[in-house]
C-alpha atoms as a PDB file:
ATOM      1  CA  MET A   1       5.591 -59.505   9.016  1.00  0.00           C
ATOM      2  CA  ALA A   2       6.703 -55.878   8.736  1.00  0.00           C
ATOM      3  CA  ILE A   3       5.878 -55.671   5.046  1.00  0.00           C
ATOM      4  CA  LEU A   4       2.329 -56.874   5.753  1.00  0.00           C
ATOM      5  CA  CYS A   5       1.867 -53.750   7.876  1.00  0.00           C
ATOM      6  CA  LEU A   6       2.860 -51.674   4.857  1.00  0.00           C
ATOM      7  CA  LEU A   7       0.521 -53.586   2.556  1.00  0.00           C
ATOM      8  CA  LEU A   8      -2.506 -53.308   4.849  1.00  0.00           C
ATOM      9  CA  PRO A   9      -3.546 -49.881   3.467  1.00  0.00           C
ATOM     10  CA  LEU A  10      -3.748 -51.497   0.033  1.00  0.00           C
ATOM     11  CA  LEU A  11      -6.748 -53.481   1.264  1.00  0.00           C
ATOM     12  CA  LEU A  12      -8.363 -50.993   3.632  1.00  0.00           C
ATOM     13  CA  GLY A  13      -7.483 -47.508   2.390  1.00  0.00           C
ATOM     14  CA  CYS A  14      -9.441 -45.160   0.180  1.00  0.00           C
ATOM     15  CA  ALA A  15      -8.431 -41.904  -1.453  1.00  0.00           C
ATOM     16  CA  ALA A  16      -9.953 -38.820   0.144  1.00  0.00           C
ATOM     17  CA  ASP A  17     -11.815 -37.884  -3.052  1.00  0.00           C
ATOM     18  CA  ARG A  18     -13.192 -41.381  -3.705  1.00  0.00           C
ATOM     19  CA  ASP A  19     -16.492 -42.775  -2.475  1.00  0.00           C
ATOM     20  CA  PRO A  20     -15.504 -46.014  -0.654  1.00  0.00           C
ATOM     21  CA  ALA A  21     -18.650 -47.668  -2.018  1.00  0.00           C
ATOM     22  CA  THR A  22     -17.184 -47.485  -5.543  1.00  0.00           C
ATOM     23  CA  LEU A  23     -14.185 -49.683  -4.688  1.00  0.00           C
ATOM     24  CA  PHE A  24     -15.996 -53.011  -4.342  1.00  0.00           C
ATOM     25  CA  GLY A  25     -19.116 -54.476  -5.934  1.00  0.00           C
ATOM     26  CA  PRO A  26     -21.975 -56.159  -4.057  1.00  0.00           C
ATOM     27  CA  GLU A  27     -20.404 -59.577  -4.643  1.00  0.00           C
ATOM     28  CA  GLU A  28     -17.373 -58.493  -2.588  1.00  0.00           C
ATOM     29  CA  THR A  29     -19.351 -57.729   0.578  1.00  0.00           C
ATOM     30  CA  GLN A  30     -18.738 -60.536   3.086  1.00  0.00           C
ATOM     31  CA  ALA A  31     -16.174 -61.963   0.663  1.00  0.00           C
ATOM     32  CA  LEU A  32     -13.276 -64.051   1.927  1.00  0.00           C
ATOM     33  CA  VAL A  33     -10.152 -61.885   2.259  1.00  0.00           C
ATOM     34  CA  VAL A  34      -6.771 -63.610   2.212  1.00  0.00           C
ATOM     35  CA  ASP A  35      -3.496 -62.035   3.334  1.00  0.00           C
ATOM     36  CA  ALA A  36      -0.222 -63.949   2.895  1.00  0.00           C
ATOM     37  CA  VAL A  37       3.150 -63.017   1.411  1.00  0.00           C
ATOM     38  CA  LEU A  38       5.862 -65.586   0.713  1.00  0.00           C
ATOM     39  CA  LEU A  39       9.457 -64.347   0.993  1.00  0.00           C
ATOM     40  CA  VAL A  40      12.222 -66.249  -0.781  1.00  0.00           C
ATOM     41  CA  GLY A  41      14.554 -67.982   1.651  1.00  0.00           C
ATOM     42  CA  GLN A  42      12.111 -67.668   4.565  1.00  0.00           C
ATOM     43  CA  PRO A  43       9.663 -70.195   6.102  1.00  0.00           C
ATOM     44  CA  LEU A  44       6.110 -70.298   4.807  1.00  0.00           C
ATOM     45  CA  PRO A  45       4.359 -67.325   6.427  1.00  0.00           C
ATOM     46  CA  PRO A  46       1.267 -67.159   8.603  1.00  0.00           C
ATOM     47  CA  LEU A  47      -1.910 -66.696   6.567  1.00  0.00           C
ATOM     48  CA  TYR A  48      -4.795 -64.454   7.596  1.00  0.00           C
ATOM     49  CA  LEU A  49      -8.374 -65.134   6.500  1.00  0.00           C
ATOM     50  CA  ARG A  50     -11.126 -62.614   7.202  1.00  0.00           C
ATOM     51  CA  ARG A  51     -14.387 -61.266   5.784  1.00  0.00           C
ATOM     52  CA  SER A  52     -14.915 -57.972   3.986  1.00  0.00           C
ATOM     53  CA  LEU A  53     -17.572 -55.496   5.122  1.00  0.00           C
ATOM     54  CA  PRO A  54     -19.746 -52.944   3.316  1.00  0.00           C
ATOM     55  CA  ALA A  55     -18.245 -49.477   2.912  1.00  0.00           C
ATOM     56  CA  GLY A  56     -18.689 -47.400   6.041  1.00  0.00           C
ATOM     57  CA  ALA A  57     -19.066 -50.336   8.429  1.00  0.00           C
ATOM     58  CA  ALA A  58     -16.807 -50.470  11.482  1.00  0.00           C
ATOM     59  CA  TYR A  59     -13.956 -52.942  10.886  1.00  0.00           C
ATOM     60  CA  HIS A  60     -12.709 -55.184  13.698  1.00  0.00           C
ATOM     61  CA  ALA A  61     -10.140 -57.725  12.518  1.00  0.00           C
ATOM     62  CA  ASP A  62     -10.668 -60.166  15.399  1.00  0.00           C
ATOM     63  CA  ALA A  63     -14.447 -60.214  14.963  1.00  0.00           C
ATOM     64  CA  LEU A  64     -14.120 -60.847  11.218  1.00  0.00           C
ATOM     65  CA  GLY A  65     -11.519 -63.615  11.436  1.00  0.00           C
ATOM     66  CA  VAL A  66     -12.698 -66.784   9.666  1.00  0.00           C
ATOM     67  CA  SER A  67     -12.193 -69.978  11.670  1.00  0.00           C
ATOM     68  CA  GLY A  68     -12.711 -73.572  10.614  1.00  0.00           C
ATOM     69  CA  ALA A  69     -11.389 -73.258   7.057  1.00  0.00           C
ATOM     70  CA  ARG A  70      -9.261 -75.873   5.333  1.00  0.00           C
ATOM     71  CA  VAL A  71      -6.095 -74.098   4.163  1.00  0.00           C
ATOM     72  CA  GLU A  72      -3.366 -75.683   2.046  1.00  0.00           C
ATOM     73  CA  ILE A  73      -0.397 -74.427   0.041  1.00  0.00           C
ATOM     74  CA  ALA A  74       1.123 -76.760  -2.557  1.00  0.00           C
ATOM     75  CA  SER A  75       4.462 -76.523  -4.387  1.00  0.00           C
ATOM     76  CA  PRO A  76       6.849 -78.892  -6.151  1.00  0.00           C
ATOM     77  CA  ASP A  77       8.350 -79.539  -2.688  1.00  0.00           C
ATOM     78  CA  GLY A  78       5.093 -80.892  -1.276  1.00  0.00           C
ATOM     79  CA  ARG A  79       1.653 -80.042   0.076  1.00  0.00           C
ATOM     80  CA  TYR A  80       1.430 -78.078   3.308  1.00  0.00           C
ATOM     81  CA  PRO A  81      -1.828 -78.094   5.274  1.00  0.00           C
ATOM     82  CA  TYR A  82      -2.139 -75.061   7.544  1.00  0.00           C
ATOM     83  CA  ALA A  83      -3.554 -75.234  11.091  1.00  0.00           C
ATOM     84  CA  ALA A  84      -5.657 -72.580  12.805  1.00  0.00           C
ATOM     85  CA  ASP A  85      -3.914 -70.526  15.476  1.00  0.00           C
ATOM     86  CA  ARG A  86      -5.963 -71.011  18.638  1.00  0.00           C
ATOM     87  CA  ASP A  87      -4.936 -67.613  19.993  1.00  0.00           C
ATOM     88  CA  SER A  88      -5.879 -65.499  16.961  1.00  0.00           C
ATOM     89  CA  ALA A  89      -9.130 -65.798  14.996  1.00  0.00           C
ATOM     90  CA  GLY A  90      -8.515 -66.024  11.258  1.00  0.00           C
ATOM     91  CA  LYS A  91      -4.789 -66.740  11.584  1.00  0.00           C
ATOM     92  CA  TYR A  92      -3.429 -69.998  10.147  1.00  0.00           C
ATOM     93  CA  LEU A  93       0.078 -71.420  10.596  1.00  0.00           C
ATOM     94  CA  ALA A  94       2.254 -73.521   8.305  1.00  0.00           C
ATOM     95  CA  PRO A  95       3.230 -77.015   9.480  1.00  0.00           C
ATOM     96  CA  ALA A  96       6.548 -77.476  11.240  1.00  0.00           C
ATOM     97  CA  GLY A  97       9.302 -78.695   8.951  1.00  0.00           C
ATOM     98  CA  ALA A  98       7.886 -77.152   5.781  1.00  0.00           C
ATOM     99  CA  ALA A  99      10.569 -76.375   3.187  1.00  0.00           C
ATOM    100  CA  LEU A 100      11.787 -72.794   2.944  1.00  0.00           C
ATOM    101  CA  VAL A 101      10.288 -70.689   0.158  1.00  0.00           C
ATOM    102  CA  ARG A 102      12.343 -71.106  -3.021  1.00  0.00           C
ATOM    103  CA  ALA A 103      12.979 -68.640  -5.841  1.00  0.00           C
ATOM    104  CA  GLU A 104      11.250 -69.057  -9.225  1.00  0.00           C
ATOM    105  CA  VAL A 105       8.789 -71.665  -7.975  1.00  0.00           C
ATOM    106  CA  THR A 106       4.986 -71.647  -8.297  1.00  0.00           C
ATOM    107  CA  TYR A 107       2.956 -71.995  -5.084  1.00  0.00           C
ATOM    108  CA  ALA A 108      -0.776 -72.761  -5.181  1.00  0.00           C
ATOM    109  CA  LEU A 109      -3.180 -71.794  -2.391  1.00  0.00           C
ATOM    110  CA  GLU A 110      -6.561 -73.429  -1.821  1.00  0.00           C
ATOM    111  CA  ILE A 111      -8.952 -72.487   0.963  1.00  0.00           C
ATOM    112  CA  ALA A 112     -12.251 -74.304   1.527  1.00  0.00           C
ATOM    113  CA  MET A 113     -14.838 -72.788   3.859  1.00  0.00           C
ATOM    114  CA  GLY A 114     -18.205 -74.502   3.699  1.00  0.00           C
ATOM    115  CA  GLU A 115     -19.414 -74.145   0.117  1.00  0.00           C
ATOM    116  CA  GLU A 116     -16.863 -71.422  -0.656  1.00  0.00           C
ATOM    117  CA  THR A 117     -13.505 -72.100  -2.287  1.00  0.00           C
ATOM    118  CA  LEU A 118     -10.729 -69.543  -2.660  1.00  0.00           C
ATOM    119  CA  ARG A 119      -7.770 -70.208  -4.953  1.00  0.00           C
ATOM    120  CA  ALA A 120      -4.663 -68.263  -5.919  1.00  0.00           C
ATOM    121  CA  THR A 121      -1.168 -68.931  -7.225  1.00  0.00           C
ATOM    122  CA  THR A 122       2.105 -67.061  -7.012  1.00  0.00           C
ATOM    123  CA  THR A 123       5.403 -67.590  -8.798  1.00  0.00           C
ATOM    124  CA  THR A 124       8.253 -66.367  -6.639  1.00  0.00           C
ATOM    125  CA  PRO A 125      10.771 -63.933  -8.172  1.00  0.00           C
ATOM    126  CA  ALA A 126      14.469 -64.649  -8.467  1.00  0.00           C
ATOM    127  CA  GLN A 127      16.545 -63.672  -5.440  1.00  0.00           C
ATOM    128  CA  VAL A 128      17.520 -59.997  -5.503  1.00  0.00           C
ATOM    129  CA  ARG A 129      20.901 -59.162  -3.955  1.00  0.00           C
ATOM    130  CA  LEU A 130      22.501 -55.822  -3.222  1.00  0.00           C
ATOM    131  CA  ARG A 131      25.902 -55.349  -4.842  1.00  0.00           C
ATOM    132  CA  GLU A 132      26.777 -52.149  -2.998  1.00  0.00           C
ATOM    133  CA  ALA A 133      25.393 -49.255  -0.998  1.00  0.00           C
ATOM    134  CA  VAL A 134      27.086 -45.932  -1.677  1.00  0.00           C
ATOM    135  CA  LEU A 135      26.823 -42.528   0.006  1.00  0.00           C
ATOM    136  CA  ARG A 136      27.282 -39.680  -2.470  1.00  0.00           C
ATOM    137  CA  ASP A 137      27.889 -35.988  -1.959  1.00  0.00           C
ATOM    138  CA  GLY A 138      24.558 -34.206  -2.343  1.00  0.00           C
ATOM    139  CA  ARG A 139      25.992 -31.512  -4.674  1.00  0.00           C
ATOM    140  CA  THR A 140      28.778 -33.146  -6.672  1.00  0.00           C
ATOM    141  CA  LEU A 141      27.477 -36.755  -6.522  1.00  0.00           C
ATOM    142  CA  ALA A 142      31.042 -37.868  -5.793  1.00  0.00           C
ATOM    143  CA  GLU A 143      31.291 -41.073  -3.754  1.00  0.00           C
ATOM    144  CA  VAL A 144      31.828 -40.242  -0.081  1.00  0.00           C
ATOM    145  CA  ALA A 145      31.611 -43.693   1.515  1.00  0.00           C
ATOM    146  CA  ARG A 146      30.692 -47.266   0.725  1.00  0.00           C
ATOM    147  CA  LEU A 147      28.474 -48.806   3.375  1.00  0.00           C
ATOM    148  CA  ARG A 148      29.118 -52.255   4.782  1.00  0.00           C
ATOM    149  CA  LEU A 149      26.442 -54.809   3.888  1.00  0.00           C
ATOM    150  CA  PHE A 150      24.980 -57.474   6.152  1.00  0.00           C
ATOM    151  CA  GLY A 151      26.774 -60.147   4.139  1.00  0.00           C
ATOM    152  CA  GLU A 152      30.138 -58.860   5.296  1.00  0.00           C
ATOM    153  CA  ALA A 153      29.368 -57.289   8.679  1.00  0.00           C
ATOM    154  CA  GLY A 154      26.170 -58.924   9.944  1.00  0.00           C
ATOM    155  CA  GLU A 155      24.279 -56.935  12.576  1.00  0.00           C
ATOM    156  CA  ALA A 156      27.510 -55.005  13.269  1.00  0.00           C
ATOM    157  CA  ALA A 157      26.738 -53.055  10.067  1.00  0.00           C
ATOM    158  CA  TYR A 158      24.618 -50.649  12.120  1.00  0.00           C
ATOM    159  CA  ASP A 159      27.685 -49.697  14.173  1.00  0.00           C
ATOM    160  CA  ALA A 160      30.230 -49.575  11.324  1.00  0.00           C
ATOM    161  CA  ALA A 161      31.809 -46.150  10.814  1.00  0.00           C
ATOM    162  CA  GLU A 162      30.851 -46.194   7.126  1.00  0.00           C
ATOM    163  CA  ASN A 163      27.202 -46.746   8.045  1.00  0.00           C
ATOM    164  CA  GLN A 164      26.833 -43.665  10.267  1.00  0.00           C
ATOM    165  CA  LEU A 165      24.834 -41.145   8.223  1.00  0.00           C
ATOM    166  CA  GLN A 166      24.423 -37.527   9.244  1.00  0.00           C
ATOM    167  CA  TYR A 167      20.807 -36.436   8.852  1.00  0.00           C
ATOM    168  CA  LEU A 168      20.213 -34.600   5.544  1.00  0.00           C
ATOM    169  CA  GLU A 169      23.825 -35.027   4.407  1.00  0.00           C
ATOM    170  CA  GLY A 170      24.615 -36.940   1.216  1.00  0.00           C
ATOM    171  CA  LEU A 171      22.588 -39.273  -0.972  1.00  0.00           C
ATOM    172  CA  LEU A 172      22.288 -42.986  -0.201  1.00  0.00           C
ATOM    173  CA  GLU A 173      22.218 -45.126  -3.339  1.00  0.00           C
ATOM    174  CA  LEU A 174      21.662 -48.900  -3.502  1.00  0.00           C
ATOM    175  CA  ARG A 175      22.772 -50.931  -6.523  1.00  0.00           C
ATOM    176  CA  PHE A 176      21.758 -54.458  -7.449  1.00  0.00           C
ATOM    177  CA  ALA A 177      21.522 -56.691 -10.479  1.00  0.00           C
ATOM    178  CA  PRO A 178      17.933 -56.607 -11.828  1.00  0.00           C
ATOM    179  CA  VAL A 179      16.161 -59.957 -11.580  1.00  0.00           C
ATOM    180  CA  GLN A 180      13.179 -61.590 -13.242  1.00  0.00           C
ATOM    181  CA  ALA A 181      10.294 -59.970 -11.363  1.00  0.00           C
ATOM    182  CA  ALA A 182       7.080 -58.074 -12.077  1.00  0.00           C
ATOM    183  CA  GLY A 183       8.443 -54.985 -10.334  1.00  0.00           C
ATOM    184  CA  TYR A 184      10.005 -53.573  -7.208  1.00  0.00           C
ATOM    185  CA  GLN A 185       9.164 -51.744  -4.021  1.00  0.00           C
ATOM    186  CA  VAL A 186      11.434 -50.261  -1.405  1.00  0.00           C
ATOM    187  CA  ALA A 187      10.644 -49.871   2.277  1.00  0.00           C
ATOM    188  CA  LEU A 188      12.274 -48.006   5.145  1.00  0.00           C
ATOM    189  CA  PHE A 189      11.986 -49.114   8.777  1.00  0.00           C
ATOM    190  CA  SER A 190      13.058 -47.059  11.809  1.00  0.00           C
ATOM    191  CA  LEU A 191      14.062 -49.748  14.296  1.00  0.00           C
ATOM    192  CA  ASP A 192      14.539 -47.788  17.534  1.00  0.00           C
ATOM    193  CA  SER A 193      11.116 -46.897  18.917  1.00  0.00           C
ATOM    194  CA  ASP A 194      12.544 -44.359  21.375  1.00  0.00           C
ATOM    195  CA  SER A 195      14.940 -42.565  19.007  1.00  0.00           C
ATOM    196  CA  PRO A 196      14.594 -38.763  18.801  1.00  0.00           C
ATOM    197  CA  PHE A 197      12.519 -36.905  16.211  1.00  0.00           C
ATOM    198  CA  LEU A 198      14.710 -35.027  13.712  1.00  0.00           C
ATOM    199  CA  VAL A 199      12.393 -32.922  11.535  1.00  0.00           C
ATOM    200  CA  ASP A 200      13.043 -29.280  12.410  1.00  0.00           C
ATOM    201  CA  ALA A 201       9.979 -27.233  11.476  1.00  0.00           C
ATOM    202  CA  GLU A 202       8.640 -24.346  13.519  1.00  0.00           C
ATOM    203  CA  PHE A 203       5.034 -25.039  12.561  1.00  0.00           C
ATOM    204  CA  LEU A 204       5.169 -28.575  13.990  1.00  0.00           C
ATOM    205  CA  GLU A 205       3.803 -29.052  17.471  1.00  0.00           C
ATOM    206  CA  GLU A 206       4.714 -32.014  19.632  1.00  0.00           C
ATOM    207  CA  LYS A 207       1.393 -33.754  18.927  1.00  0.00           C
ATOM    208  CA  ASP A 208       2.117 -33.494  15.179  1.00  0.00           C
ATOM    209  CA  GLN A 209       5.160 -35.729  15.546  1.00  0.00           C
ATOM    210  CA  ALA A 210       2.872 -38.711  16.051  1.00  0.00           C
ATOM    211  CA  ASP A 211       1.805 -38.351  12.410  1.00  0.00           C
ATOM    212  CA  PHE A 212       5.329 -39.200  11.204  1.00  0.00           C
ATOM    213  CA  ALA A 213       5.483 -42.963  10.695  1.00  0.00           C
ATOM    214  CA  ARG A 214       8.528 -45.047  11.558  1.00  0.00           C
ATOM    215  CA  GLN A 215       8.047 -47.139   8.439  1.00  0.00           C
ATOM    216  CA  GLY A 216       6.938 -46.508   4.881  1.00  0.00           C
ATOM    217  CA  SER A 217       7.050 -47.938   1.389  1.00  0.00           C
ATOM    218  CA  SER A 218       7.381 -46.632  -2.149  1.00  0.00           C
ATOM    219  CA  PRO A 219       4.886 -46.979  -4.991  1.00  0.00           C
ATOM    220  CA  ALA A 220       5.233 -50.030  -7.211  1.00  0.00           C
ATOM    221  CA  ILE A 221       8.171 -49.533  -9.571  1.00  0.00           C
ATOM    222  CA  ALA A 222       8.234 -51.350 -12.895  1.00  0.00           C
ATOM    223  CA  ASP A 223      11.963 -50.877 -13.570  1.00  0.00           C
ATOM    224  CA  THR A 224      14.641 -49.474 -11.268  1.00  0.00           C
ATOM    225  CA  ARG A 225      17.592 -49.998 -13.671  1.00  0.00           C
ATOM    226  CA  GLY A 226      19.205 -51.789 -10.742  1.00  0.00           C
ATOM    227  CA  MET A 227      19.469 -48.653  -8.605  1.00  0.00           C
ATOM    228  CA  VAL A 228      17.334 -46.993  -5.924  1.00  0.00           C
ATOM    229  CA  SER A 229      18.004 -43.963  -3.712  1.00  0.00           C
ATOM    230  CA  LEU A 230      16.782 -42.989  -0.260  1.00  0.00           C
ATOM    231  CA  PRO A 231      15.025 -39.594  -0.145  1.00  0.00           C
ATOM    232  CA  TRP A 232      15.750 -37.768   3.108  1.00  0.00           C
ATOM    233  CA  PHE A 233      12.157 -36.569   3.376  1.00  0.00           C
ATOM    234  CA  SER A 234      11.207 -40.149   4.262  1.00  0.00           C
ATOM    235  CA  VAL A 235      13.471 -40.093   7.353  1.00  0.00           C
ATOM    236  CA  ALA A 236      12.042 -38.482  10.486  1.00  0.00           C
ATOM    237  CA  TYR A 237      13.926 -40.169  13.311  1.00  0.00           C
ATOM    238  CA  ALA A 238      17.491 -40.791  14.453  1.00  0.00           C
ATOM    239  CA  GLY A 239      18.806 -44.260  15.236  1.00  0.00           C
ATOM    240  CA  ARG A 240      19.035 -47.550  13.369  1.00  0.00           C
ATOM    241  CA  HIS A 241      17.233 -47.918  10.042  1.00  0.00           C
ATOM    242  CA  LEU A 242      16.668 -50.801   7.628  1.00  0.00           C
ATOM    243  CA  PHE A 243      16.343 -49.910   3.934  1.00  0.00           C
ATOM    244  CA  LYS A 244      14.955 -52.883   2.027  1.00  0.00           C
ATOM    245  CA  VAL A 245      14.475 -53.634  -1.681  1.00  0.00           C
ATOM    246  CA  TYR A 246      11.720 -56.072  -2.672  1.00  0.00           C
ATOM    247  CA  ALA A 247      11.534 -57.794  -6.066  1.00  0.00           C
ATOM    248  CA  VAL A 248       7.830 -58.628  -6.223  1.00  0.00           C
ATOM    249  CA  ASP A 249       5.613 -61.079  -8.069  1.00  0.00           C
ATOM    250  CA  ARG A 250       2.727 -60.159 -10.373  1.00  0.00           C
ATOM    251  CA  ASN A 251       0.114 -60.426  -7.600  1.00  0.00           C
ATOM    252  CA  TRP A 252       1.906 -58.000  -5.272  1.00  0.00           C
ATOM    253  CA  PHE A 253       2.782 -55.629  -8.125  1.00  0.00           C
ATOM    254  CA  ASP A 254      -0.749 -55.468  -9.538  1.00  0.00           C
ATOM    255  CA  LEU A 255      -2.326 -54.830  -6.154  1.00  0.00           C
ATOM    256  CA  ALA A 256       0.230 -52.149  -5.290  1.00  0.00           C
ATOM    257  CA  ARG A 257      -0.088 -50.288  -8.594  1.00  0.00           C
ATOM    258  CA  THR A 258      -3.910 -50.310  -8.453  1.00  0.00           C
ATOM    259  CA  ASN A 259      -4.091 -49.203  -4.820  1.00  0.00           C
ATOM    260  CA  PRO A 260      -6.538 -46.287  -4.656  1.00  0.00           C
ATOM    261  CA  ALA A 261      -5.179 -45.054  -1.320  1.00  0.00           C
ATOM    262  CA  ASP A 262      -3.241 -41.805  -1.202  1.00  0.00           C
ATOM    263  CA  SER A 263      -0.842 -43.257   1.346  1.00  0.00           C
ATOM    264  CA  PRO A 264       2.424 -41.453   2.144  1.00  0.00           C
ATOM    265  CA  GLY A 265       5.646 -43.313   1.531  1.00  0.00           C
ATOM    266  CA  LEU A 266       8.954 -43.181  -0.297  1.00  0.00           C
ATOM    267  CA  GLY A 267       8.449 -41.358  -3.554  1.00  0.00           C
ATOM    268  CA  GLY A 268       4.997 -39.779  -3.795  1.00  0.00           C
ATOM    269  CA  GLY A 269       1.778 -40.882  -5.489  1.00  0.00           C
ATOM    270  CA  LEU A 270       0.970 -44.276  -6.887  1.00  0.00           C
ATOM    271  CA  ALA A 271       0.794 -45.433 -10.458  1.00  0.00           C
ATOM    272  CA  GLY A 272      -2.717 -46.710  -9.738  1.00  0.00           C
ATOM    273  CA  ASP A 273      -4.333 -43.292  -9.251  1.00  0.00           C
ATOM    274  CA  ASN A 274      -6.459 -43.723 -12.389  1.00  0.00           C
ATOM    275  CA  PHE A 275      -7.667 -47.250 -11.679  1.00  0.00           C
ATOM    276  CA  GLU A 276     -11.296 -47.725 -10.678  1.00  0.00           C
ATOM    277  CA  ARG A 277     -10.637 -50.479  -8.124  1.00  0.00           C
ATOM    278  CA  PRO A 278      -7.830 -52.605  -6.678  1.00  0.00           C
ATOM    279  CA  PHE A 279      -6.749 -55.568  -8.794  1.00  0.00           C
ATOM    280  CA  PHE A 280      -6.939 -58.852  -6.873  1.00  0.00           C
ATOM    281  CA  ARG A 281      -5.461 -61.992  -8.438  1.00  0.00           C
ATOM    282  CA  VAL A 282      -7.629 -64.211  -6.263  1.00  0.00           C
ATOM    283  CA  GLU A 283     -10.394 -66.583  -7.378  1.00  0.00           C
ATOM    284  CA  GLY A 284     -13.346 -66.844  -5.024  1.00  0.00           C
ATOM    285  CA  GLY A 285     -12.371 -63.888  -2.849  1.00  0.00           C
ATOM    286  CA  ILE A 286     -10.153 -60.831  -2.616  1.00  0.00           C
ATOM    287  CA  GLY A 287      -6.864 -59.922  -0.946  1.00  0.00           C
ATOM    288  CA  LEU A 288      -3.254 -60.835  -1.563  1.00  0.00           C
ATOM    289  CA  PHE A 289      -1.482 -64.143  -1.983  1.00  0.00           C
ATOM    290  CA  GLY A 290       1.842 -62.918  -3.286  1.00  0.00           C
ATOM    291  CA  SER A 291       5.580 -63.361  -3.040  1.00  0.00           C
ATOM    292  CA  ALA A 292       8.837 -61.455  -3.159  1.00  0.00           C
ATOM    293  CA  SER A 293      12.551 -61.718  -2.664  1.00  0.00           C
ATOM    294  CA  ALA A 294      14.359 -59.063  -0.672  1.00  0.00           C
ATOM    295  CA  ASP A 295      17.730 -57.707   0.361  1.00  0.00           C
ATOM    296  CA  SER A 296      18.554 -54.799   2.632  1.00  0.00           C
ATOM    297  CA  VAL A 297      21.159 -52.513   4.146  1.00  0.00           C
ATOM    298  CA  GLY A 298      21.300 -51.280   7.726  1.00  0.00           C
ATOM    299  CA  PHE A 299      22.599 -47.901   8.886  1.00  0.00           C
ATOM    300  CA  THR A 300      22.336 -45.422  11.737  1.00  0.00           C
ATOM    301  CA  VAL A 301      21.057 -41.861  11.294  1.00  0.00           C
ATOM    302  CA  LEU A 302      22.811 -39.247  13.423  1.00  0.00           C
ATOM    303  CA  PRO A 303      21.322 -35.829  14.306  1.00  0.00           C
ATOM    304  CA  ARG A 304      22.624 -32.864  12.326  1.00  0.00           C
ATOM    305  CA  ARG A 305      25.909 -31.439  13.534  1.00  0.00           C
END
């Protein structure tokens, strides 16, 4: 669910110098909006179905949740009818016992709501796996330490000596074998909600610290050459962190690269700055029905000595 929080600005955000009315045409007012991301190796996710609103209208997710729809996802493993969540308008849940999401498989979504029908398909990427996570000296780039991965240490990776990183010291580099995917994104999550703020800037007042998010994502990346690095400017808090690499499908990649929002994250502006509108691979509506595979490394950030 965490990555859905990062993707939400892709659907709702607008660049400061863009007129929001230019993002969607009249046919996309009151359109069905789908939000579901399949992750390889995980259960089928909850699906959210809502309505869009005209630019400038106040948005309330609960009020715009669409109830009473027939929702089904089909794959070579079977057909899975979703059921409405009684406690959350517009939220639909997969049936118990549904097969886990598999790599390199096509999943088809169909939603029927009265006379409206929404359809979309996604082909899941191959499973991406980290080979190693290395801390390098910031000046010489010499290897300083090799972090322990979850595959060898489990949750104890956060406490491993190799995974204790001093704030602003060294360069964290992740390496993996590239897989068949439309592209990649990386995301950073600060896991300890009460961990101390680390950015030392005299011009920052205490109220400004609230503007520093505990999670963020990079722009869509077409080719990483099997290596990504963590920029220290994306880290604002001490404590446990999760650095995750996503190999994404065409639907996720196209929406991310055509996102008109100037949202902060890991690595600056988006490749979609010159696009006129977001690209939705959805028939009969807008939104995201996408998929990804992911792997991650956990570490703890220590205050500067």
